[in-house]
């Protein structure tokens, strides 16, 4: 199916507009990524300052606190393990139910 000149021009204009919009979206995406990175850096810096205050205050009070890495990692691994255990239980229950129905 061949296009006449008028149709070809319409499609070329549509294609050019779509390309401009794609470039615009790419540009906006990069801008948002940079904003997110900056916000993350600001939050990390803020966290570092508050952690220093927290640890300094604990030291003055004679309270022992866990280092940040151990505390964050242990909490994250506990949450991940709990989530995996629940998923495993649900999967085995679903498999048993499927076997019962097919029998």
Protein backbone atom coordinates (compact mmCIF):
# COMPACT_ATOMS: atom_id res chain seq x y z
CA UNK A 1 0.00 0.00 0.00
CA UNK A 2 1.74 3.12 -1.22
CA UNK A 3 1.15 6.52 0.32
CA UNK A 4 0.52 9.58 -1.77
CA UNK A 5 2.65 12.71 -1.24
CA UNK A 6 0.12 14.36 1.06
CA UNK A 7 -0.17 11.29 3.32
CA UNK A 8 3.60 10.90 3.36
CA UNK A 9 4.00 14.51 4.54
CA UNK A 10 1.39 14.02 7.27
CA UNK A 11 3.17 10.93 8.58
CA UNK A 12 6.57 12.62 8.42
CA UNK A 13 5.24 15.55 10.44
CA UNK A 14 3.73 13.15 12.97
CA UNK A 15 7.03 11.29 13.16
CA UNK A 16 8.99 14.53 13.68
CA UNK A 17 6.60 15.62 16.44
CA UNK A 18 6.88 12.23 18.13
CA UNK A 19 10.70 12.49 17.98
CA UNK A 20 10.58 15.95 19.58
CA UNK A 21 8.34 14.64 22.33
CA UNK A 22 10.64 11.65 22.91
CA UNK A 23 13.62 13.99 23.25
CA UNK A 24 11.64 16.20 25.60
CA UNK A 25 10.65 13.26 27.79
CA UNK A 26 14.26 12.02 27.85
CA UNK A 27 15.39 15.46 28.95
CA UNK A 28 12.75 15.62 31.68
CA UNK A 29 13.68 12.13 32.87
CA UNK A 30 17.35 13.10 33.19
CA UNK A 31 16.37 16.24 35.10
CA UNK A 32 14.23 14.23 37.52
CA UNK A 33 16.99 11.67 38.00
CA UNK A 34 19.41 14.47 38.89
CA UNK A 35 16.87 15.95 41.31
CA UNK A 36 16.39 12.55 42.95
CA UNK A 37 20.14 12.03 43.25
CA UNK A 38 20.55 15.45 44.84
CA UNK A 39 17.70 14.80 47.27
CA UNK A 40 19.21 11.43 48.18
CA UNK A 41 22.62 13.01 48.77
CA UNK A 42 21.01 15.67 50.99
CA UNK A 43 19.15 13.02 52.98
CA UNK A 44 22.29 10.92 53.40
CA UNK A 45 24.20 13.95 54.65
CA UNK A 46 21.39 14.78 57.06
CA UNK A 47 21.33 11.18 58.29
CA UNK A 48 25.08 11.30 58.86
CA UNK A 49 24.76 14.45 60.98
CA UNK A 50 21.88 13.08 63.05
CA UNK A 51 23.77 9.81 63.54
CA UNK A 52 26.74 11.80 64.91
CA UNK A 53 24.44 13.64 67.31
CA UNK A 54 22.81 10.36 68.35
CA UNK A 55 26.09 8.56 68.96
CA UNK A 56 27.62 11.57 70.76
CA UNK A 57 24.62 11.85 73.05
CA UNK A 58 24.69 8.12 73.75
CA UNK A 59 28.38 8.37 74.59
CA UNK A 60 27.71 11.19 77.05
CA UNK A 61 24.94 9.16 78.68
CA UNK A 62 27.08 6.03 78.76
CA UNK A 63 24.70 4.09 76.52
CA UNK A 64 26.15 1.63 74.04
CA UNK A 65 24.73 1.80 70.51
CA UNK A 66 25.28 -0.53 67.58
CA UNK A 67 27.26 0.83 64.67
CA UNK A 68 25.01 2.06 61.86
CA UNK A 69 26.02 -0.57 59.28
CA UNK A 70 25.29 -3.50 61.54
CA UNK A 71 22.00 -2.02 62.69
CA UNK A 72 20.76 -1.22 59.18
CA UNK A 73 21.93 -4.50 57.69
CA UNK A 74 20.51 -6.65 60.45
CA UNK A 75 17.11 -4.97 60.22
CA UNK A 76 17.05 -5.29 56.43
CA UNK A 77 18.08 -8.94 56.50
CA UNK A 78 15.49 -9.75 59.18
CA UNK A 79 12.75 -8.13 57.09
CA UNK A 80 13.88 -9.91 53.94
CA UNK A 81 14.00 -13.27 55.73
CA UNK A 82 10.52 -12.76 57.20
CA UNK A 83 9.16 -11.86 53.76
CA UNK A 84 10.80 -14.90 52.15
CA UNK A 85 9.45 -17.23 54.86
CA UNK A 86 5.90 -15.97 54.33
CA UNK A 87 6.18 -16.29 50.55
CA UNK A 88 7.50 -19.83 50.88
CA UNK A 89 4.60 -20.83 53.13
CA UNK A 90 2.06 -19.34 50.70
CA UNK A 91 3.69 -21.05 47.72
CA UNK A 92 3.62 -24.47 49.39
CA UNK A 93 -0.01 -23.97 50.45
CA UNK A 94 -0.97 -22.98 46.87
CA UNK A 95 0.88 -25.99 45.45
CA UNK A 96 -0.90 -28.35 47.85
CA UNK A 97 -4.27 -26.82 46.97
CA UNK A 98 -3.56 -27.21 43.25
CA UNK A 99 -2.60 -30.85 43.70
CA UNK A 100 -5.76 -31.54 45.71
CA UNK A 101 -7.95 -29.95 43.03
CA UNK A 102 -6.32 -31.85 40.18
CA UNK A 103 -6.63 -35.20 41.95
